[in-house]
N, C-alpha and C. Protein backbone atom coordinates (compact mmCIF):
# COMPACT_ATOMS: atom_id res chain seq x y z
N UNK A 1 0.84 -1.17 0.00
CA UNK A 1 0.00 0.00 0.00
C UNK A 1 0.90 1.25 0.00
N UNK A 2 0.63 2.20 -0.91
CA UNK A 2 1.48 3.39 -0.97
C UNK A 2 1.30 4.28 0.27
N UNK A 3 2.31 5.09 0.52
CA UNK A 3 2.21 5.98 1.67
C UNK A 3 1.25 7.13 1.39
N UNK A 4 0.98 7.93 2.41
CA UNK A 4 -0.01 9.01 2.31
C UNK A 4 0.35 10.01 1.22
N UNK A 5 1.61 10.39 1.14
CA UNK A 5 2.04 11.37 0.13
C UNK A 5 1.83 10.82 -1.28
N UNK A 6 2.17 9.56 -1.49
CA UNK A 6 1.98 8.95 -2.82
C UNK A 6 0.50 8.88 -3.17
N UNK A 7 -0.35 8.56 -2.19
CA UNK A 7 -1.81 8.54 -2.46
C UNK A 7 -2.31 9.93 -2.81
N UNK A 8 -1.78 10.94 -2.11
CA UNK A 8 -2.17 12.32 -2.40
C UNK A 8 -1.77 12.75 -3.80
N UNK A 9 -0.56 12.40 -4.20
CA UNK A 9 -0.10 12.75 -5.55
C UNK A 9 -0.91 12.02 -6.61
N UNK A 10 -1.25 10.76 -6.36
CA UNK A 10 -2.07 10.01 -7.30
C UNK A 10 -3.46 10.64 -7.42
N UNK A 11 -4.02 11.09 -6.30
CA UNK A 11 -5.33 11.76 -6.32
C UNK A 11 -5.25 13.06 -7.11
N UNK A 12 -4.18 13.83 -6.91
CA UNK A 12 -4.00 15.07 -7.67
C UNK A 12 -3.85 14.79 -9.16
N UNK A 13 -3.10 13.75 -9.50
CA UNK A 13 -2.96 13.37 -10.91
C UNK A 13 -4.32 13.04 -11.52
N UNK A 14 -5.10 12.26 -10.80
CA UNK A 14 -6.42 11.87 -11.30
C UNK A 14 -7.33 13.09 -11.45
N UNK A 15 -7.31 13.98 -10.48
CA UNK A 15 -8.13 15.19 -10.54
C UNK A 15 -7.70 16.09 -11.70
N UNK A 16 -6.40 16.25 -11.88
CA UNK A 16 -5.89 17.09 -12.96
C UNK A 16 -6.30 16.54 -14.32
N UNK A 17 -6.15 15.25 -14.51
CA UNK A 17 -6.54 14.61 -15.76
C UNK A 17 -8.03 14.78 -16.01
N UNK A 18 -8.82 14.60 -14.97
CA UNK A 18 -10.28 14.74 -15.06
C UNK A 18 -10.66 16.16 -15.50
N UNK A 19 -10.06 17.16 -14.87
CA UNK A 19 -10.39 18.55 -15.19
C UNK A 19 -9.89 18.94 -16.58
N UNK A 20 -8.71 18.49 -16.95
CA UNK A 20 -8.19 18.79 -18.28
C UNK A 20 -9.08 18.18 -19.36
N UNK A 21 -9.62 17.01 -19.11
CA UNK A 21 -10.53 16.37 -20.07
C UNK A 21 -11.83 17.18 -20.22
N UNK A 22 -12.11 18.04 -19.24
CA UNK A 22 -13.30 18.89 -19.29
C UNK A 22 -12.98 20.32 -19.70
N UNK A 23 -11.78 20.51 -20.25
CA UNK A 23 -11.44 21.79 -20.86
C UNK A 23 -10.65 22.77 -20.02
N UNK A 24 -10.32 22.44 -18.77
CA UNK A 24 -9.53 23.35 -17.96
C UNK A 24 -8.06 23.21 -18.31
N UNK A 25 -7.34 24.30 -18.21
CA UNK A 25 -5.91 24.32 -18.52
C UNK A 25 -5.12 24.46 -17.21
N UNK A 26 -4.17 23.58 -17.00
CA UNK A 26 -3.34 23.63 -15.80
C UNK A 26 -2.34 24.77 -15.90
N UNK A 27 -2.32 25.62 -14.87
CA UNK A 27 -1.34 26.71 -14.79
C UNK A 27 -0.22 26.36 -13.82
N UNK A 28 -0.59 25.74 -12.68
CA UNK A 28 0.43 25.41 -11.69
C UNK A 28 -0.10 24.35 -10.74
N UNK A 29 0.82 23.50 -10.29
CA UNK A 29 0.50 22.48 -9.29
C UNK A 29 1.23 22.78 -8.01
N UNK A 30 0.59 22.47 -6.90
CA UNK A 30 1.21 22.56 -5.58
C UNK A 30 1.87 23.90 -5.31
N UNK A 31 1.08 24.95 -5.39
CA UNK A 31 1.57 26.29 -5.05
C UNK A 31 1.61 26.37 -3.53
N UNK A 32 2.83 26.47 -2.98
CA UNK A 32 3.01 26.36 -1.53
C UNK A 32 3.56 27.64 -0.91
N UNK A 33 3.02 27.92 0.26
CA UNK A 33 3.55 28.91 1.18
C UNK A 33 3.65 28.24 2.53
N UNK A 34 4.30 28.89 3.47
CA UNK A 34 4.33 28.31 4.82
C UNK A 34 2.92 28.21 5.40
N UNK A 35 2.05 29.13 5.01
CA UNK A 35 0.71 29.17 5.58
C UNK A 35 -0.31 28.29 4.86
N UNK A 36 0.05 27.71 3.72
CA UNK A 36 -0.92 26.88 3.03
C UNK A 36 -0.46 26.45 1.65
N UNK A 37 -1.30 25.67 1.00
CA UNK A 37 -1.00 25.14 -0.32
C UNK A 37 -2.27 25.08 -1.15
N UNK A 38 -2.11 25.30 -2.46
CA UNK A 38 -3.20 25.09 -3.40
C UNK A 38 -2.74 23.96 -4.31
N UNK A 39 -3.57 22.92 -4.38
CA UNK A 39 -3.18 21.72 -5.12
C UNK A 39 -3.06 21.98 -6.63
N UNK A 40 -4.09 22.58 -7.21
CA UNK A 40 -4.10 22.85 -8.65
C UNK A 40 -4.60 24.26 -8.89
N UNK A 41 -3.91 24.97 -9.76
CA UNK A 41 -4.38 26.27 -10.22
C UNK A 41 -4.62 26.11 -11.71
N UNK A 42 -5.88 26.35 -12.11
CA UNK A 42 -6.27 26.10 -13.49
C UNK A 42 -7.09 27.28 -14.00
N UNK A 43 -7.36 27.25 -15.29
CA UNK A 43 -8.28 28.26 -15.83
C UNK A 43 -9.19 27.60 -16.84
N UNK A 44 -10.41 28.12 -16.89
CA UNK A 44 -11.32 27.71 -17.94
C UNK A 44 -11.60 28.96 -18.78
N UNK A 45 -12.62 28.92 -19.58
CA UNK A 45 -12.90 30.07 -20.46
C UNK A 45 -13.25 31.34 -19.70
N UNK A 46 -13.77 31.20 -18.49
CA UNK A 46 -14.29 32.37 -17.79
C UNK A 46 -13.68 32.63 -16.42
N UNK A 47 -12.96 31.66 -15.83
CA UNK A 47 -12.49 31.81 -14.45
C UNK A 47 -11.06 31.33 -14.27
N UNK A 48 -10.41 31.91 -13.28
CA UNK A 48 -9.20 31.35 -12.71
C UNK A 48 -9.69 30.45 -11.59
N UNK A 49 -9.27 29.19 -11.60
CA UNK A 49 -9.86 28.20 -10.70
C UNK A 49 -8.78 27.65 -9.75
N UNK A 50 -9.00 27.83 -8.46
CA UNK A 50 -8.15 27.25 -7.43
C UNK A 50 -8.83 25.96 -6.97
N UNK A 51 -8.11 24.84 -7.09
CA UNK A 51 -8.71 23.52 -6.84
C UNK A 51 -8.05 22.86 -5.64
N UNK A 52 -8.87 22.48 -4.69
CA UNK A 52 -8.44 21.68 -3.55
C UNK A 52 -8.83 20.24 -3.83
N UNK A 53 -7.86 19.33 -3.76
CA UNK A 53 -8.10 17.91 -4.00
C UNK A 53 -8.05 17.19 -2.66
N UNK A 54 -9.13 16.48 -2.33
CA UNK A 54 -9.20 15.76 -1.07
C UNK A 54 -9.51 14.30 -1.34
N UNK A 55 -8.72 13.42 -0.75
CA UNK A 55 -8.91 11.99 -0.91
C UNK A 55 -9.16 11.34 0.44
N UNK A 56 -10.15 10.47 0.47
CA UNK A 56 -10.42 9.65 1.65
C UNK A 56 -10.78 8.25 1.16
N UNK A 57 -10.36 7.25 1.88
CA UNK A 57 -10.73 5.87 1.54
C UNK A 57 -12.23 5.65 1.65
N UNK A 58 -12.85 6.32 2.63
CA UNK A 58 -14.28 6.14 2.87
C UNK A 58 -14.83 7.40 3.52
N UNK A 59 -16.12 7.38 3.78
CA UNK A 59 -16.77 8.49 4.47
C UNK A 59 -16.82 8.27 5.98
N UNK A 60 -16.06 7.33 6.44
CA UNK A 60 -16.11 6.93 7.85
C UNK A 60 -15.94 8.10 8.82
N UNK A 61 -15.04 9.01 8.51
CA UNK A 61 -14.80 10.15 9.40
C UNK A 61 -15.26 11.45 8.77
N UNK A 62 -16.33 11.42 8.02
CA UNK A 62 -16.89 12.63 7.45
C UNK A 62 -16.65 12.78 5.96
N UNK A 63 -15.73 12.07 5.40
CA UNK A 63 -15.52 12.10 3.96
C UNK A 63 -14.64 13.24 3.50
N UNK A 64 -14.33 13.21 2.22
CA UNK A 64 -13.39 14.16 1.63
C UNK A 64 -13.94 15.58 1.61
N UNK A 65 -15.17 15.73 1.21
CA UNK A 65 -15.74 17.07 1.09
C UNK A 65 -15.85 17.78 2.44
N UNK A 66 -16.25 17.06 3.46
CA UNK A 66 -16.39 17.66 4.78
C UNK A 66 -15.05 18.05 5.39
N UNK A 67 -13.96 17.53 4.85
CA UNK A 67 -12.65 17.87 5.40
C UNK A 67 -12.17 19.26 4.97
N UNK A 68 -12.88 19.89 4.04
CA UNK A 68 -12.53 21.25 3.63
C UNK A 68 -13.35 22.20 4.51
N UNK A 69 -12.91 22.33 5.75
CA UNK A 69 -13.64 23.13 6.72
C UNK A 69 -13.28 24.62 6.59
N UNK A 70 -13.86 25.45 7.43
CA UNK A 70 -13.66 26.90 7.37
C UNK A 70 -12.18 27.26 7.48
N UNK A 71 -11.49 26.62 8.38
CA UNK A 71 -10.06 26.92 8.57
C UNK A 71 -9.26 26.61 7.31
N UNK A 72 -9.55 25.47 6.67
CA UNK A 72 -8.88 25.10 5.43
C UNK A 72 -9.22 26.09 4.32
N UNK A 73 -10.47 26.52 4.25
CA UNK A 73 -10.88 27.50 3.25
C UNK A 73 -10.11 28.81 3.43
N UNK A 74 -9.92 29.23 4.66
CA UNK A 74 -9.19 30.46 4.92
C UNK A 74 -7.73 30.35 4.50
N UNK A 75 -7.12 29.21 4.72
CA UNK A 75 -5.72 28.99 4.31
C UNK A 75 -5.61 29.02 2.78
N UNK A 76 -6.57 28.39 2.11
CA UNK A 76 -6.58 28.40 0.64
C UNK A 76 -6.74 29.84 0.14
N UNK A 77 -7.64 30.59 0.76
CA UNK A 77 -7.87 31.97 0.36
C UNK A 77 -6.61 32.83 0.52
N UNK A 78 -5.91 32.70 1.64
CA UNK A 78 -4.69 33.48 1.84
C UNK A 78 -3.62 33.11 0.81
N UNK A 79 -3.52 31.83 0.49
CA UNK A 79 -2.55 31.38 -0.50
C UNK A 79 -2.94 31.89 -1.89
N UNK A 80 -4.22 31.90 -2.19
CA UNK A 80 -4.70 32.43 -3.48
C UNK A 80 -4.40 33.92 -3.58
N UNK A 81 -4.58 34.66 -2.50
CA UNK A 81 -4.25 36.09 -2.51
C UNK A 81 -2.79 36.31 -2.85
N UNK A 82 -1.93 35.51 -2.25
CA UNK A 82 -0.50 35.63 -2.52
C UNK A 82 -0.21 35.32 -3.98
N UNK A 83 -0.79 34.25 -4.51
CA UNK A 83 -0.60 33.89 -5.91
C UNK A 83 -1.03 35.04 -6.82
N UNK A 84 -2.19 35.63 -6.54
CA UNK A 84 -2.71 36.71 -7.39
C UNK A 84 -1.87 37.98 -7.29
N UNK A 85 -1.24 38.20 -6.15
CA UNK A 85 -0.38 39.36 -5.98
C UNK A 85 0.78 39.31 -6.97
N UNK A 86 1.34 38.12 -7.17
CA UNK A 86 2.50 37.96 -8.05
C UNK A 86 2.15 37.44 -9.44
N UNK A 87 0.91 37.03 -9.65
CA UNK A 87 0.46 36.50 -10.93
C UNK A 87 -0.93 37.06 -11.23
N UNK A 88 -1.02 38.34 -11.55
CA UNK A 88 -2.35 38.92 -11.76
C UNK A 88 -3.03 38.37 -13.01
N UNK A 89 -4.29 38.06 -12.88
CA UNK A 89 -5.14 37.61 -13.99
C UNK A 89 -6.36 38.51 -14.03
N UNK A 90 -6.81 38.79 -15.23
CA UNK A 90 -8.01 39.60 -15.40
C UNK A 90 -9.22 38.67 -15.58
N UNK A 91 -9.40 37.80 -14.61
CA UNK A 91 -10.50 36.84 -14.62
C UNK A 91 -11.11 36.76 -13.23
N UNK A 92 -12.39 36.47 -13.14
CA UNK A 92 -12.95 36.19 -11.81
C UNK A 92 -12.36 34.89 -11.27
N UNK A 93 -12.37 34.78 -9.96
CA UNK A 93 -11.77 33.63 -9.27
C UNK A 93 -12.87 32.70 -8.79
N UNK A 94 -12.58 31.40 -8.86
CA UNK A 94 -13.50 30.38 -8.37
C UNK A 94 -12.71 29.37 -7.55
N UNK A 95 -13.34 28.86 -6.49
CA UNK A 95 -12.73 27.84 -5.64
C UNK A 95 -13.53 26.55 -5.80
N UNK A 96 -12.87 25.52 -6.32
CA UNK A 96 -13.50 24.22 -6.54
C UNK A 96 -12.85 23.17 -5.64
N UNK A 97 -13.58 22.09 -5.40
CA UNK A 97 -13.06 20.95 -4.66
C UNK A 97 -13.29 19.70 -5.50
N UNK A 98 -12.25 18.89 -5.60
CA UNK A 98 -12.39 17.55 -6.15
C UNK A 98 -12.33 16.62 -4.95
N UNK A 99 -13.43 15.92 -4.69
CA UNK A 99 -13.53 15.01 -3.56
C UNK A 99 -13.46 13.58 -4.09
N UNK A 100 -12.42 12.87 -3.69
CA UNK A 100 -12.25 11.47 -4.08
C UNK A 100 -12.47 10.61 -2.86
N UNK A 101 -13.42 9.70 -2.97
CA UNK A 101 -13.70 8.76 -1.89
C UNK A 101 -13.71 7.38 -2.50
N UNK A 102 -12.66 6.60 -2.21
CA UNK A 102 -12.49 5.32 -2.88
C UNK A 102 -12.29 5.59 -4.37
N UNK A 103 -13.11 5.02 -5.22
CA UNK A 103 -13.02 5.25 -6.66
C UNK A 103 -13.96 6.36 -7.14
N UNK A 104 -14.82 6.87 -6.26
CA UNK A 104 -15.77 7.91 -6.63
C UNK A 104 -15.09 9.28 -6.68
N UNK A 105 -15.36 10.04 -7.74
CA UNK A 105 -14.83 11.38 -7.88
C UNK A 105 -15.99 12.35 -8.03
N UNK A 106 -15.99 13.39 -7.20
CA UNK A 106 -17.01 14.45 -7.29
C UNK A 106 -16.31 15.78 -7.48
N UNK A 107 -16.78 16.54 -8.46
CA UNK A 107 -16.24 17.88 -8.74
C UNK A 107 -17.27 18.89 -8.28
N UNK A 108 -16.94 19.66 -7.28
CA UNK A 108 -17.83 20.68 -6.76
C UNK A 108 -17.29 22.04 -7.19
N UNK A 109 -17.98 22.64 -8.14
CA UNK A 109 -17.60 23.97 -8.59
C UNK A 109 -18.18 25.01 -7.63
N UNK A 110 -17.47 26.11 -7.47
CA UNK A 110 -17.92 27.15 -6.51
C UNK A 110 -18.16 26.52 -5.15
N UNK A 111 -17.24 25.69 -4.71
CA UNK A 111 -17.41 24.93 -3.46
C UNK A 111 -17.53 25.85 -2.25
N UNK A 112 -16.86 26.97 -2.29
CA UNK A 112 -16.99 27.95 -1.20
C UNK A 112 -16.69 29.32 -1.73
N UNK A 113 -17.18 30.31 -1.05
CA UNK A 113 -17.00 31.70 -1.43
C UNK A 113 -16.08 32.36 -0.40
N UNK A 114 -15.14 33.11 -0.90
CA UNK A 114 -14.28 33.91 -0.02
C UNK A 114 -14.08 35.27 -0.65
N UNK A 115 -13.79 36.23 0.16
CA UNK A 115 -13.51 37.57 -0.32
C UNK A 115 -12.01 37.70 -0.60
N UNK A 116 -11.68 38.11 -1.81
CA UNK A 116 -10.27 38.33 -2.15
C UNK A 116 -9.98 39.81 -2.24
C-alpha cells in the first residue's frame, strides 16, 4: 500500500486529468507557502480556478468534502491572494473541490466563497 504522500499525488494526478478532459488548462501544481498550499491552479474560459483535491478511503470520518472546513478554506484563500499578488489575472476567481472517496470522484464547482 502506498504511503499518504503517494496517495495524495495520485489523487491530484487523477483530478488534474479529469479537469483537463473537461477543458480546464493547468497553470500550476502545488503552489506552496508556509501558511498553506493550493493543489491545482487552473483556468477555464471564464475563471481562474483554485482547486483543492481531497482523498479519503471512505466516508467513515466525514468524507473528503467535509474535510474542507472553514479553517482550510481560509488557508486556501490566503494562498490564493498571494498567488494573485504575483500572478495577476483579469479573470474572476472560483474555488473548486475535487472530492475522491475510494473510486468515486465528485467535482464541486464554486465549493466555497471567499472575499479576495
